Amino acid sequence: MAFEELKENTENIQEQLESYIESNLSYYKLRSFKLAMKSTTAIFKFGLILLCFCMVLLFCSIALAFALGNYCGSYAYGFAIVGGIYLVLTVLLFFVKDKIVEGPILEKFSEIFFND
């Protein structure tokens, strides 16, 4: 009789353990899906904003180049000046890229992954 009860208890424990494992797997699948979707949407939003900003920057750069070219008497000089401005900005960005780019990105994704 004691053996029968022990056998039933072990079967019950085994069923509960299987149920617990399945529940944990479902939870972690759902959590990883949530994190993946949050990071995917954050990247998509960032890309969309970046695309819009690039379009604005392109048209403003062309307008500035034409304005400077008109002022200098040659459109080629205007475009060369705008190109030089971008070259200087690119070199400056290269030297400070760790502080400006990596820090905010790391902070944003740390917030997404670890604040849930």
PDB file of N, CA and C in Angstrom:
ATOM      1  N   MET A   1       0.812  -1.187   0.000  1.00  0.00           N
ATOM      2  CA  MET A   1       0.000   0.000   0.000  1.00  0.00           C
ATOM      3  C   MET A   1       0.862   1.260   0.000  1.00  0.00           C
ATOM      4  N   ALA A   2       1.904   1.252   0.797  1.00  0.00           N
ATOM      5  CA  ALA A   2       2.798   2.403   0.836  1.00  0.00           C
ATOM      6  C   ALA A   2       3.518   2.543  -0.502  1.00  0.00           C
ATOM      7  N   PHE A   3       3.838   1.399  -1.097  1.00  0.00           N
ATOM      8  CA  PHE A   3       4.509   1.426  -2.396  1.00  0.00           C
ATOM      9  C   PHE A   3       3.604   2.021  -3.464  1.00  0.00           C
ATOM     10  N   GLU A   4       2.304   1.706  -3.405  1.00  0.00           N
ATOM     11  CA  GLU A   4       1.329   2.244  -4.357  1.00  0.00           C
ATOM     12  C   GLU A   4       1.230   3.766  -4.211  1.00  0.00           C
ATOM     13  N   GLU A   5       1.169   4.252  -2.969  1.00  0.00           N
ATOM     14  CA  GLU A   5       1.086   5.695  -2.737  1.00  0.00           C
ATOM     15  C   GLU A   5       2.356   6.399  -3.205  1.00  0.00           C
ATOM     16  N   LEU A   6       3.500   5.787  -2.942  1.00  0.00           N
ATOM     17  CA  LEU A   6       4.777   6.360  -3.371  1.00  0.00           C
ATOM     18  C   LEU A   6       4.852   6.416  -4.890  1.00  0.00           C
ATOM     19  N   LYS A   7       4.365   5.382  -5.567  1.00  0.00           N
ATOM     20  CA  LYS A   7       4.349   5.350  -7.018  1.00  0.00           C
ATOM     21  C   LYS A   7       3.431   6.444  -7.571  1.00  0.00           C
ATOM     22  N   GLU A   8       2.260   6.637  -6.960  1.00  0.00           N
ATOM     23  CA  GLU A   8       1.341   7.683  -7.398  1.00  0.00           C
ATOM     24  C   GLU A   8       1.942   9.071  -7.175  1.00  0.00           C
ATOM     25  N   ASN A   9       2.614   9.239  -6.029  1.00  0.00           N
ATOM     26  CA  ASN A   9       3.241  10.525  -5.731  1.00  0.00           C
ATOM     27  C   ASN A   9       4.364  10.841  -6.724  1.00  0.00           C
ATOM     28  N   THR A  10       5.160   9.852  -7.074  1.00  0.00           N
ATOM     29  CA  THR A  10       6.250  10.105  -8.035  1.00  0.00           C
ATOM     30  C   THR A  10       5.676  10.414  -9.408  1.00  0.00           C
ATOM     31  N   GLU A  11       4.588   9.742  -9.789  1.00  0.00           N
ATOM     32  CA  GLU A  11       3.953  10.060 -11.068  1.00  0.00           C
ATOM     33  C   GLU A  11       3.379  11.475 -11.050  1.00  0.00           C
ATOM     34  N   ASN A  12       2.798  11.854  -9.918  1.00  0.00           N
ATOM     35  CA  ASN A  12       2.249  13.196  -9.768  1.00  0.00           C
ATOM     36  C   ASN A  12       3.376  14.240  -9.820  1.00  0.00           C
ATOM     37  N   ILE A  13       4.469  13.964  -9.155  1.00  0.00           N
ATOM     38  CA  ILE A  13       5.611  14.881  -9.175  1.00  0.00           C
ATOM     39  C   ILE A  13       6.163  14.998 -10.590  1.00  0.00           C
ATOM     40  N   GLN A  14       6.238  13.894 -11.292  1.00  0.00           N
ATOM     41  CA  GLN A  14       6.748  13.905 -12.661  1.00  0.00           C
ATOM     42  C   GLN A  14       5.832  14.738 -13.560  1.00  0.00           C
ATOM     43  N   GLU A  15       4.536  14.603 -13.421  1.00  0.00           N
ATOM     44  CA  GLU A  15       3.590  15.394 -14.210  1.00  0.00           C
ATOM     45  C   GLU A  15       3.709  16.883 -13.886  1.00  0.00           C
ATOM     46  N   GLN A  16       3.851  17.188 -12.598  1.00  0.00           N
ATOM     47  CA  GLN A  16       3.996  18.587 -12.208  1.00  0.00           C
ATOM     48  C   GLN A  16       5.321  19.169 -12.718  1.00  0.00           C
ATOM     49  N   LEU A  17       6.374  18.373 -12.702  1.00  0.00           N
ATOM     50  CA  LEU A  17       7.666  18.818 -13.208  1.00  0.00           C
ATOM     51  C   LEU A  17       7.596  19.081 -14.709  1.00  0.00           C
ATOM     52  N   GLU A  18       6.947  18.196 -15.449  1.00  0.00           N
ATOM     53  CA  GLU A  18       6.780  18.403 -16.890  1.00  0.00           C
ATOM     54  C   GLU A  18       5.954  19.663 -17.166  1.00  0.00           C
ATOM     55  N   SER A  19       4.911  19.866 -16.387  1.00  0.00           N
ATOM     56  CA  SER A  19       4.083  21.057 -16.535  1.00  0.00           C
ATOM     57  C   SER A  19       4.899  22.320 -16.225  1.00  0.00           C
ATOM     58  N   TYR A  20       5.719  22.259 -15.185  1.00  0.00           N
ATOM     59  CA  TYR A  20       6.571  23.391 -14.809  1.00  0.00           C
ATOM     60  C   TYR A  20       7.573  23.712 -15.916  1.00  0.00           C
ATOM     61  N   ILE A  21       8.196  22.709 -16.485  1.00  0.00           N
ATOM     62  CA  ILE A  21       9.176  22.915 -17.553  1.00  0.00           C
ATOM     63  C   ILE A  21       8.507  23.507 -18.787  1.00  0.00           C
ATOM     64  N   GLU A  22       7.341  22.977 -19.142  1.00  0.00           N
ATOM     65  CA  GLU A  22       6.607  23.522 -20.290  1.00  0.00           C
ATOM     66  C   GLU A  22       6.209  24.980 -20.064  1.00  0.00           C
ATOM     67  N   SER A  23       5.780  25.292 -18.847  1.00  0.00           N
ATOM     68  CA  SER A  23       5.410  26.674 -18.526  1.00  0.00           C
ATOM     69  C   SER A  23       6.619  27.597 -18.620  1.00  0.00           C
ATOM     70  N   ASN A  24       7.752  27.148 -18.099  1.00  0.00           N
ATOM     71  CA  ASN A  24       8.968  27.966 -18.179  1.00  0.00           C
ATOM     72  C   ASN A  24       9.415  28.161 -19.622  1.00  0.00           C
ATOM     73  N   LEU A  25       9.357  27.118 -20.426  1.00  0.00           N
ATOM     74  CA  LEU A  25       9.727  27.250 -21.833  1.00  0.00           C
ATOM     75  C   LEU A  25       8.812  28.242 -22.550  1.00  0.00           C
ATOM     76  N   SER A  26       7.532  28.157 -22.269  1.00  0.00           N
ATOM     77  CA  SER A  26       6.586  29.089 -22.883  1.00  0.00           C
ATOM     78  C   SER A  26       6.872  30.519 -22.441  1.00  0.00           C
ATOM     79  N   TYR A  27       7.181  30.691 -21.165  1.00  0.00           N
ATOM     80  CA  TYR A  27       7.479  32.018 -20.651  1.00  0.00           C
ATOM     81  C   TYR A  27       8.718  32.596 -21.326  1.00  0.00           C
ATOM     82  N   TYR A  28       9.783  31.825 -21.411  1.00  0.00           N
ATOM     83  CA  TYR A  28      11.016  32.339 -21.999  1.00  0.00           C
ATOM     84  C   TYR A  28      10.893  32.556 -23.504  1.00  0.00           C
ATOM     85  N   LYS A  29      10.091  31.751 -24.172  1.00  0.00           N
ATOM     86  CA  LYS A  29       9.831  32.001 -25.587  1.00  0.00           C
ATOM     87  C   LYS A  29       9.096  33.331 -25.763  1.00  0.00           C
ATOM     88  N   LEU A  30       8.097  33.556 -24.938  1.00  0.00           N
ATOM     89  CA  LEU A  30       7.329  34.798 -25.013  1.00  0.00           C
ATOM     90  C   LEU A  30       8.195  36.000 -24.644  1.00  0.00           C
ATOM     91  N   ARG A  31       9.025  35.852 -23.634  1.00  0.00           N
ATOM     92  CA  ARG A  31       9.907  36.951 -23.216  1.00  0.00           C
ATOM     93  C   ARG A  31      10.933  37.272 -24.302  1.00  0.00           C
ATOM     94  N   SER A  32      11.514  36.247 -24.909  1.00  0.00           N
ATOM     95  CA  SER A  32      12.495  36.498 -25.970  1.00  0.00           C
ATOM     96  C   SER A  32      11.818  37.111 -27.195  1.00  0.00           C
ATOM     97  N   PHE A  33      10.592  36.699 -27.492  1.00  0.00           N
ATOM     98  CA  PHE A  33       9.844  37.313 -28.590  1.00  0.00           C
ATOM     99  C   PHE A  33       9.583  38.789 -28.301  1.00  0.00           C
ATOM    100  N   LYS A  34       9.208  39.092 -27.078  1.00  0.00           N
ATOM    101  CA  LYS A  34       8.954  40.480 -26.689  1.00  0.00           C
ATOM    102  C   LYS A  34      10.222  41.323 -26.838  1.00  0.00           C
ATOM    103  N   LEU A  35      11.344  40.815 -26.365  1.00  0.00           N
ATOM    104  CA  LEU A  35      12.600  41.554 -26.483  1.00  0.00           C
ATOM    105  C   LEU A  35      13.010  41.720 -27.939  1.00  0.00           C
ATOM    106  N   ALA A  36      12.826  40.683 -28.726  1.00  0.00           N
ATOM    107  CA  ALA A  36      13.174  40.768 -30.147  1.00  0.00           C
ATOM    108  C   ALA A  36      12.302  41.796 -30.857  1.00  0.00           C
ATOM    109  N   MET A  37      11.028  41.825 -30.544  1.00  0.00           N
ATOM    110  CA  MET A  37      10.132  42.789 -31.183  1.00  0.00           C
ATOM    111  C   MET A  37      10.432  44.214 -30.730  1.00  0.00           C
ATOM    112  N   LYS A  38      10.733  44.393 -29.452  1.00  0.00           N
ATOM    113  CA  LYS A  38      11.074  45.737 -28.973  1.00  0.00           C
ATOM    114  C   LYS A  38      12.335  46.252 -29.656  1.00  0.00           C
ATOM    115  N   SER A  39      13.353  45.408 -29.751  1.00  0.00           N
ATOM    116  CA  SER A  39      14.591  45.857 -30.384  1.00  0.00           C
ATOM    117  C   SER A  39      14.395  46.048 -31.888  1.00  0.00           C
ATOM    118  N   THR A  40      13.611  45.201 -32.525  1.00  0.00           N
ATOM    119  CA  THR A  40      13.350  45.349 -33.959  1.00  0.00           C
ATOM    120  C   THR A  40      12.589  46.641 -34.241  1.00  0.00           C
ATOM    121  N   THR A  41      11.581  46.931 -33.453  1.00  0.00           N
ATOM    122  CA  THR A  41      10.830  48.167 -33.677  1.00  0.00           C
ATOM    123  C   THR A  41      11.676  49.393 -33.363  1.00  0.00           C
ATOM    124  N   ALA A  42      12.552  49.293 -32.362  1.00  0.00           N
ATOM    125  CA  ALA A  42      13.438  50.418 -32.052  1.00  0.00           C
ATOM    126  C   ALA A  42      14.400  50.674 -33.206  1.00  0.00           C
ATOM    127  N   ILE A  43      14.939  49.613 -33.779  1.00  0.00           N
ATOM    128  CA  ILE A  43      15.846  49.756 -34.925  1.00  0.00           C
ATOM    129  C   ILE A  43      15.092  50.313 -36.127  1.00  0.00           C
ATOM    130  N   PHE A  44      13.882  49.825 -36.357  1.00  0.00           N
ATOM    131  CA  PHE A  44      13.076  50.314 -37.484  1.00  0.00           C
ATOM    132  C   PHE A  44      12.747  51.794 -37.328  1.00  0.00           C
ATOM    133  N   LYS A  45      12.326  52.204 -36.114  1.00  0.00           N
ATOM    134  CA  LYS A  45      12.019  53.611 -35.879  1.00  0.00           C
ATOM    135  C   LYS A  45      13.253  54.480 -36.056  1.00  0.00           C
ATOM    136  N   PHE A  46      14.383  54.002 -35.549  1.00  0.00           N
ATOM    137  CA  PHE A  46      15.628  54.752 -35.696  1.00  0.00           C
ATOM    138  C   PHE A  46      16.002  54.875 -37.172  1.00  0.00           C
ATOM    139  N   GLY A  47      15.850  53.811 -37.917  1.00  0.00           N
ATOM    140  CA  GLY A  47      16.157  53.845 -39.350  1.00  0.00           C
ATOM    141  C   GLY A  47      15.243  54.785 -40.112  1.00  0.00           C
ATOM    142  N   LEU A  48      13.977  54.796 -39.767  1.00  0.00           N
ATOM    143  CA  LEU A  48      13.021  55.687 -40.421  1.00  0.00           C
ATOM    144  C   LEU A  48      13.330  57.156 -40.128  1.00  0.00           C
ATOM    145  N   ILE A  49      13.632  57.454 -38.882  1.00  0.00           N
ATOM    146  CA  ILE A  49      14.005  58.821 -38.518  1.00  0.00           C
ATOM    147  C   ILE A  49      15.308  59.214 -39.205  1.00  0.00           C
ATOM    148  N   LEU A  50      16.243  58.294 -39.261  1.00  0.00           N
ATOM    149  CA  LEU A  50      17.520  58.566 -39.928  1.00  0.00           C
ATOM    150  C   LEU A  50      17.322  58.826 -41.416  1.00  0.00           C
ATOM    151  N   LEU A  51      16.439  58.074 -42.052  1.00  0.00           N
ATOM    152  CA  LEU A  51      16.151  58.281 -43.466  1.00  0.00           C
ATOM    153  C   LEU A  51      15.551  59.665 -43.704  1.00  0.00           C
ATOM    154  N   CYS A  52      14.597  60.047 -42.880  1.00  0.00           N
ATOM    155  CA  CYS A  52      13.988  61.382 -43.023  1.00  0.00           C
ATOM    156  C   CYS A  52      15.025  62.481 -42.782  1.00  0.00           C
ATOM    157  N   PHE A  53      15.864  62.294 -41.784  1.00  0.00           N
ATOM    158  CA  PHE A  53      16.903  63.279 -41.496  1.00  0.00           C
ATOM    159  C   PHE A  53      17.882  63.388 -42.663  1.00  0.00           C
ATOM    160  N   CYS A  54      18.221  62.271 -43.275  1.00  0.00           N
ATOM    161  CA  CYS A  54      19.140  62.287 -44.427  1.00  0.00           C
ATOM    162  C   CYS A  54      18.525  63.028 -45.615  1.00  0.00           C
ATOM    163  N   MET A  55      17.240  62.867 -45.827  1.00  0.00           N
ATOM    164  CA  MET A  55      16.580  63.583 -46.922  1.00  0.00           C
ATOM    165  C   MET A  55      16.603  65.093 -46.677  1.00  0.00           C
ATOM    166  N   VAL A  56      16.313  65.502 -45.452  1.00  0.00           N
ATOM    167  CA  VAL A  56      16.356  66.925 -45.111  1.00  0.00           C
ATOM    168  C   VAL A  56      17.770  67.460 -45.279  1.00  0.00           C
ATOM    169  N   LEU A  57      18.739  66.702 -44.789  1.00  0.00           N
ATOM    170  CA  LEU A  57      20.139  67.112 -44.897  1.00  0.00           C
ATOM    171  C   LEU A  57      20.578  67.212 -46.358  1.00  0.00           C
ATOM    172  N   LEU A  58      20.137  66.299 -47.191  1.00  0.00           N
ATOM    173  CA  LEU A  58      20.492  66.324 -48.609  1.00  0.00           C
ATOM    174  C   LEU A  58      19.983  67.596 -49.281  1.00  0.00           C
ATOM    175  N   PHE A  59      18.697  67.885 -49.086  1.00  0.00           N
ATOM    176  CA  PHE A  59      18.137  69.067 -49.748  1.00  0.00           C
ATOM    177  C   PHE A  59      18.703  70.370 -49.176  1.00  0.00           C
ATOM    178  N   CYS A  60      18.951  70.401 -47.873  1.00  0.00           N
ATOM    179  CA  CYS A  60      19.574  71.596 -47.285  1.00  0.00           C
ATOM    180  C   CYS A  60      20.999  71.766 -47.786  1.00  0.00           C
ATOM    181  N   SER A  61      21.709  70.664 -47.971  1.00  0.00           N
ATOM    182  CA  SER A  61      23.080  70.736 -48.483  1.00  0.00           C
ATOM    183  C   SER A  61      23.109  71.253 -49.917  1.00  0.00           C
ATOM    184  N   ILE A  62      22.180  70.776 -50.728  1.00  0.00           N
ATOM    185  CA  ILE A  62      22.109  71.244 -52.112  1.00  0.00           C
ATOM    186  C   ILE A  62      21.764  72.733 -52.147  1.00  0.00           C
ATOM    187  N   ALA A  63      20.826  73.126 -51.306  1.00  0.00           N
ATOM    188  CA  ALA A  63      20.453  74.551 -51.254  1.00  0.00           C
ATOM    189  C   ALA A  63      21.628  75.403 -50.785  1.00  0.00           C
ATOM    190  N   LEU A  64      22.353  74.937 -49.769  1.00  0.00           N
ATOM    191  CA  LEU A  64      23.523  75.669 -49.285  1.00  0.00           C
ATOM    192  C   LEU A  64      24.604  75.745 -50.353  1.00  0.00           C
ATOM    193  N   ALA A  65      24.811  74.641 -51.067  1.00  0.00           N
ATOM    194  CA  ALA A  65      25.827  74.628 -52.118  1.00  0.00           C
ATOM    195  C   ALA A  65      25.475  75.616 -53.232  1.00  0.00           C
ATOM    196  N   PHE A  66      24.218  75.654 -53.621  1.00  0.00           N
ATOM    197  CA  PHE A  66      23.808  76.620 -54.647  1.00  0.00           C
ATOM    198  C   PHE A  66      23.932  78.058 -54.133  1.00  0.00           C
ATOM    199  N   ALA A  67      23.568  78.294 -52.872  1.00  0.00           N
ATOM    200  CA  ALA A  67      23.670  79.639 -52.306  1.00  0.00           C
ATOM    201  C   ALA A  67      25.128  80.080 -52.220  1.00  0.00           C
ATOM    202  N   LEU A  68      26.006  79.194 -51.735  1.00  0.00           N
ATOM    203  CA  LEU A  68      27.432  79.532 -51.668  1.00  0.00           C
ATOM    204  C   LEU A  68      28.020  79.695 -53.064  1.00  0.00           C
ATOM    205  N   GLY A  69      27.590  78.869 -53.989  1.00  0.00           N
ATOM    206  CA  GLY A  69      28.059  78.985 -55.368  1.00  0.00           C
ATOM    207  C   GLY A  69      27.630  80.290 -56.003  1.00  0.00           C
ATOM    208  N   ASN A  70      26.432  80.703 -55.720  1.00  0.00           N
ATOM    209  CA  ASN A  70      25.936  81.980 -56.232  1.00  0.00           C
ATOM    210  C   ASN A  70      26.736  83.137 -55.618  1.00  0.00           C
ATOM    211  N   TYR A  71      27.051  83.008 -54.346  1.00  0.00           N
ATOM    212  CA  TYR A  71      27.819  84.054 -53.661  1.00  0.00           C
ATOM    213  C   TYR A  71      29.258  84.109 -54.180  1.00  0.00           C
ATOM    214  N   CYS A  72      29.862  82.921 -54.420  1.00  0.00           N
ATOM    215  CA  CYS A  72      31.258  82.866 -54.897  1.00  0.00           C
ATOM    216  C   CYS A  72      31.371  83.098 -56.401  1.00  0.00           C
ATOM    217  N   GLY A  73      30.315  82.981 -57.112  1.00  0.00           N
ATOM    218  CA  GLY A  73      30.353  83.182 -58.554  1.00  0.00           C
ATOM    219  C   GLY A  73      30.492  81.887 -59.338  1.00  0.00           C
ATOM    220  N   SER A  74      30.612  80.759 -58.637  1.00  0.00           N
ATOM    221  CA  SER A  74      30.734  79.464 -59.319  1.00  0.00           C
ATOM    222  C   SER A  74      30.073  78.390 -58.454  1.00  0.00           C
ATOM    223  N   TYR A  75      29.167  77.654 -59.081  1.00  0.00           N
ATOM    224  CA  TYR A  75      28.493  76.600 -58.328  1.00  0.00           C
ATOM    225  C   TYR A  75      29.469  75.511 -57.885  1.00  0.00           C
ATOM    226  N   ALA A  76      30.517  75.299 -58.647  1.00  0.00           N
ATOM    227  CA  ALA A  76      31.518  74.293 -58.281  1.00  0.00           C
ATOM    228  C   ALA A  76      32.167  74.650 -56.949  1.00  0.00           C
ATOM    229  N   TYR A  77      32.459  75.927 -56.730  1.00  0.00           N
ATOM    230  CA  TYR A  77      33.035  76.349 -55.456  1.00  0.00           C
ATOM    231  C   TYR A  77      32.049  76.116 -54.311  1.00  0.00           C
ATOM    232  N   GLY A  78      30.805  76.377 -54.551  1.00  0.00           N
ATOM    233  CA  GLY A  78      29.785  76.146 -53.524  1.00  0.00           C
ATOM    234  C   GLY A  78      29.705  74.686 -53.119  1.00  0.00           C
ATOM    235  N   PHE A  79      29.690  73.794 -54.103  1.00  0.00           N
ATOM    236  CA  PHE A  79      29.639  72.365 -53.790  1.00  0.00           C
ATOM    237  C   PHE A  79      30.941  71.898 -53.136  1.00  0.00           C
ATOM    238  N   ALA A  80      32.064  72.469 -53.538  1.00  0.00           N
ATOM    239  CA  ALA A  80      33.347  72.112 -52.922  1.00  0.00           C
ATOM    240  C   ALA A  80      33.387  72.564 -51.459  1.00  0.00           C
ATOM    241  N   ILE A  81      32.856  73.740 -51.171  1.00  0.00           N
ATOM    242  CA  ILE A  81      32.828  74.218 -49.786  1.00  0.00           C
ATOM    243  C   ILE A  81      31.943  73.326 -48.921  1.00  0.00           C
ATOM    244  N   VAL A  82      30.784  72.960 -49.431  1.00  0.00           N
ATOM    245  CA  VAL A  82      29.883  72.075 -48.676  1.00  0.00           C
ATOM    246  C   VAL A  82      30.547  70.705 -48.478  1.00  0.00           C
ATOM    247  N   GLY A  83      31.218  70.201 -49.502  1.00  0.00           N
ATOM    248  CA  GLY A  83      31.948  68.941 -49.362  1.00  0.00           C
ATOM    249  C   GLY A  83      33.046  69.043 -48.316  1.00  0.00           C
ATOM    250  N   GLY A  84      33.746  70.170 -48.270  1.00  0.00           N
ATOM    251  CA  GLY A  84      34.782  70.385 -47.258  1.00  0.00           C
ATOM    252  C   GLY A  84      34.203  70.433 -45.857  1.00  0.00           C
ATOM    253  N   ILE A  85      33.030  71.055 -45.719  1.00  0.00           N
ATOM    254  CA  ILE A  85      32.367  71.099 -44.414  1.00  0.00           C
ATOM    255  C   ILE A  85      32.036  69.680 -43.948  1.00  0.00           C
ATOM    256  N   TYR A  86      31.515  68.870 -44.868  1.00  0.00           N
ATOM    257  CA  TYR A  86      31.203  67.484 -44.504  1.00  0.00           C
ATOM    258  C   TYR A  86      32.454  66.677 -44.192  1.00  0.00           C
ATOM    259  N   LEU A  87      33.547  66.962 -44.886  1.00  0.00           N
ATOM    260  CA  LEU A  87      34.805  66.273 -44.602  1.00  0.00           C
ATOM    261  C   LEU A  87      35.283  66.601 -43.190  1.00  0.00           C
ATOM    262  N   VAL A  88      35.235  67.867 -42.811  1.00  0.00           N
ATOM    263  CA  VAL A  88      35.643  68.269 -41.462  1.00  0.00           C
ATOM    264  C   VAL A  88      34.733  67.634 -40.412  1.00  0.00           C
ATOM    265  N   LEU A  89      33.426  67.637 -40.649  1.00  0.00           N
ATOM    266  CA  LEU A  89      32.489  67.012 -39.704  1.00  0.00           C
ATOM    267  C   LEU A  89      32.733  65.512 -39.574  1.00  0.00           C
ATOM    268  N   THR A  90      33.067  64.857 -40.691  1.00  0.00           N
ATOM    269  CA  THR A  90      33.332  63.421 -40.663  1.00  0.00           C
ATOM    270  C   THR A  90      34.581  63.117 -39.846  1.00  0.00           C
ATOM    271  N   VAL A  91      35.623  63.906 -40.016  1.00  0.00           N
ATOM    272  CA  VAL A  91      36.859  63.694 -39.245  1.00  0.00           C
ATOM    273  C   VAL A  91      36.589  63.921 -37.753  1.00  0.00           C
ATOM    274  N   LEU A  92      35.834  64.964 -37.418  1.00  0.00           N
ATOM    275  CA  LEU A  92      35.493  65.208 -36.014  1.00  0.00           C
ATOM    276  C   LEU A  92      34.665  64.065 -35.434  1.00  0.00           C
ATOM    277  N   LEU A  93      33.716  63.583 -36.203  1.00  0.00           N
ATOM    278  CA  LEU A  93      32.888  62.472 -35.749  1.00  0.00           C
ATOM    279  C   LEU A  93      33.713  61.204 -35.562  1.00  0.00           C
ATOM    280  N   PHE A  94      34.706  60.998 -36.402  1.00  0.00           N
ATOM    281  CA  PHE A  94      35.574  59.825 -36.278  1.00  0.00           C
ATOM    282  C   PHE A  94      36.306  59.832 -34.937  1.00  0.00           C
ATOM    283  N   PHE A  95      36.718  61.003 -34.476  1.00  0.00           N
ATOM    284  CA  PHE A  95      37.478  61.074 -33.237  1.00  0.00           C
ATOM    285  C   PHE A  95      36.605  60.998 -31.984  1.00  0.00           C
ATOM    286  N   VAL A  96      35.341  61.348 -32.079  1.00  0.00           N
ATOM    287  CA  VAL A  96      34.471  61.316 -30.903  1.00  0.00           C
ATOM    288  C   VAL A  96      33.351  60.281 -31.041  1.00  0.00           C
ATOM    289  N   LYS A  97      33.511  59.330 -31.926  1.00  0.00           N
ATOM    290  CA  LYS A  97      32.433  58.369 -32.206  1.00  0.00           C
ATOM    291  C   LYS A  97      32.078  57.505 -31.007  1.00  0.00           C
ATOM    292  N   ASP A  98      33.053  57.163 -30.171  1.00  0.00           N
ATOM    293  CA  ASP A  98      32.755  56.308 -29.029  1.00  0.00           C
ATOM    294  C   ASP A  98      31.818  56.990 -28.036  1.00  0.00           C
ATOM    295  N   LYS A  99      32.018  58.262 -27.806  1.00  0.00           N
ATOM    296  CA  LYS A  99      31.199  58.982 -26.837  1.00  0.00           C
ATOM    297  C   LYS A  99      29.823  59.325 -27.393  1.00  0.00           C
ATOM    298  N   ILE A 100      29.756  59.626 -28.671  1.00  0.00           N
ATOM    299  CA  ILE A 100      28.502  60.081 -29.257  1.00  0.00           C
ATOM    300  C   ILE A 100      27.631  58.919 -29.726  1.00  0.00           C
ATOM    301  N   VAL A 101      28.236  57.916 -30.346  1.00  0.00           N
ATOM    302  CA  VAL A 101      27.449  56.865 -30.983  1.00  0.00           C
ATOM    303  C   VAL A 101      27.268  55.646 -30.080  1.00  0.00           C
ATOM    304  N   GLU A 102      28.352  55.068 -29.592  1.00  0.00           N
ATOM    305  CA  GLU A 102      28.257  53.810 -28.863  1.00  0.00           C
ATOM    306  C   GLU A 102      27.546  53.946 -27.519  1.00  0.00           C
ATOM    307  N   GLY A 103      27.795  55.034 -26.810  1.00  0.00           N
ATOM    308  CA  GLY A 103      27.178  55.226 -25.496  1.00  0.00           C
ATOM    309  C   GLY A 103      25.665  55.255 -25.537  1.00  0.00           C
ATOM    310  N   PRO A 104      25.070  56.141 -26.339  1.00  0.00           N
ATOM    311  CA  PRO A 104      23.595  56.181 -26.380  1.00  0.00           C
ATOM    312  C   PRO A 104      22.964  54.891 -26.901  1.00  0.00           C
ATOM    313  N   ILE A 105      23.593  54.253 -27.870  1.00  0.00           N
ATOM    314  CA  ILE A 105      23.028  53.002 -28.402  1.00  0.00           C
ATOM    315  C   ILE A 105      23.077  51.916 -27.336  1.00  0.00           C
ATOM    316  N   LEU A 106      24.210  51.804 -26.652  1.00  0.00           N
ATOM    317  CA  LEU A 106      24.335  50.812 -25.589  1.00  0.00           C
ATOM    318  C   LEU A 106      23.343  51.093 -24.467  1.00  0.00           C
ATOM    319  N   GLU A 107      23.155  52.353 -24.132  1.00  0.00           N
ATOM    320  CA  GLU A 107      22.213  52.724 -23.083  1.00  0.00           C
ATOM    321  C   GLU A 107      20.785  52.370 -23.477  1.00  0.00           C
ATOM    322  N   LYS A 108      20.413  52.657 -24.721  1.00  0.00           N
ATOM    323  CA  LYS A 108      19.047  52.391 -25.175  1.00  0.00           C
ATOM    324  C   LYS A 108      18.741  50.894 -25.174  1.00  0.00           C
ATOM    325  N   PHE A 109      19.661  50.087 -25.701  1.00  0.00           N
ATOM    326  CA  PHE A 109      19.395  48.656 -25.754  1.00  0.00           C
ATOM    327  C   PHE A 109      19.508  48.005 -24.378  1.00  0.00           C
ATOM    328  N   SER A 110      20.330  48.563 -23.488  1.00  0.00           N
ATOM    329  CA  SER A 110      20.355  48.070 -22.114  1.00  0.00           C
ATOM    330  C   SER A 110      19.021  48.344 -21.440  1.00  0.00           C
ATOM    331  N   GLU A 111      18.447  49.490 -21.725  1.00  0.00           N
ATOM    332  CA  GLU A 111      17.137  49.832 -21.175  1.00  0.00           C
ATOM    333  C   GLU A 111      16.071  48.858 -21.675  1.00  0.00           C
ATOM    334  N   ILE A 112      16.132  48.523 -22.957  1.00  0.00           N
ATOM    335  CA  ILE A 112      15.147  47.596 -23.534  1.00  0.00           C
ATOM    336  C   ILE A 112      15.280  46.206 -22.920  1.00  0.00           C
ATOM    337  N   PHE A 113      16.511  45.711 -22.813  1.00  0.00           N
ATOM    338  CA  PHE A 113      16.714  44.323 -22.386  1.00  0.00           C
ATOM    339  C   PHE A 113      16.624  44.121 -20.879  1.00  0.00           C
ATOM    340  N   PHE A 114      17.053  45.096 -20.092  1.00  0.00           N
ATOM    341  CA  PHE A 114      17.192  44.845 -18.666  1.00  0.00           C
ATOM    342  C   PHE A 114      16.149  45.525 -17.788  1.00  0.00           C
ATOM    343  N   ASN A 115      15.308  46.372 -18.337  1.00  0.00           N
ATOM    344  CA  ASN A 115      14.299  47.042 -17.519  1.00  0.00           C
ATOM    345  C   ASN A 115      12.937  46.369 -17.589  1.00  0.00           C
ATOM    346  N   ASP A 116      12.855  45.190 -18.106  1.00  0.00           N
ATOM    347  CA  ASP A 116      11.550  44.498 -18.167  1.00  0.00           C
ATOM    348  C   ASP A 116      11.369  43.607 -16.980  1.00  0.00           C
TER     349      ASP A 116
END
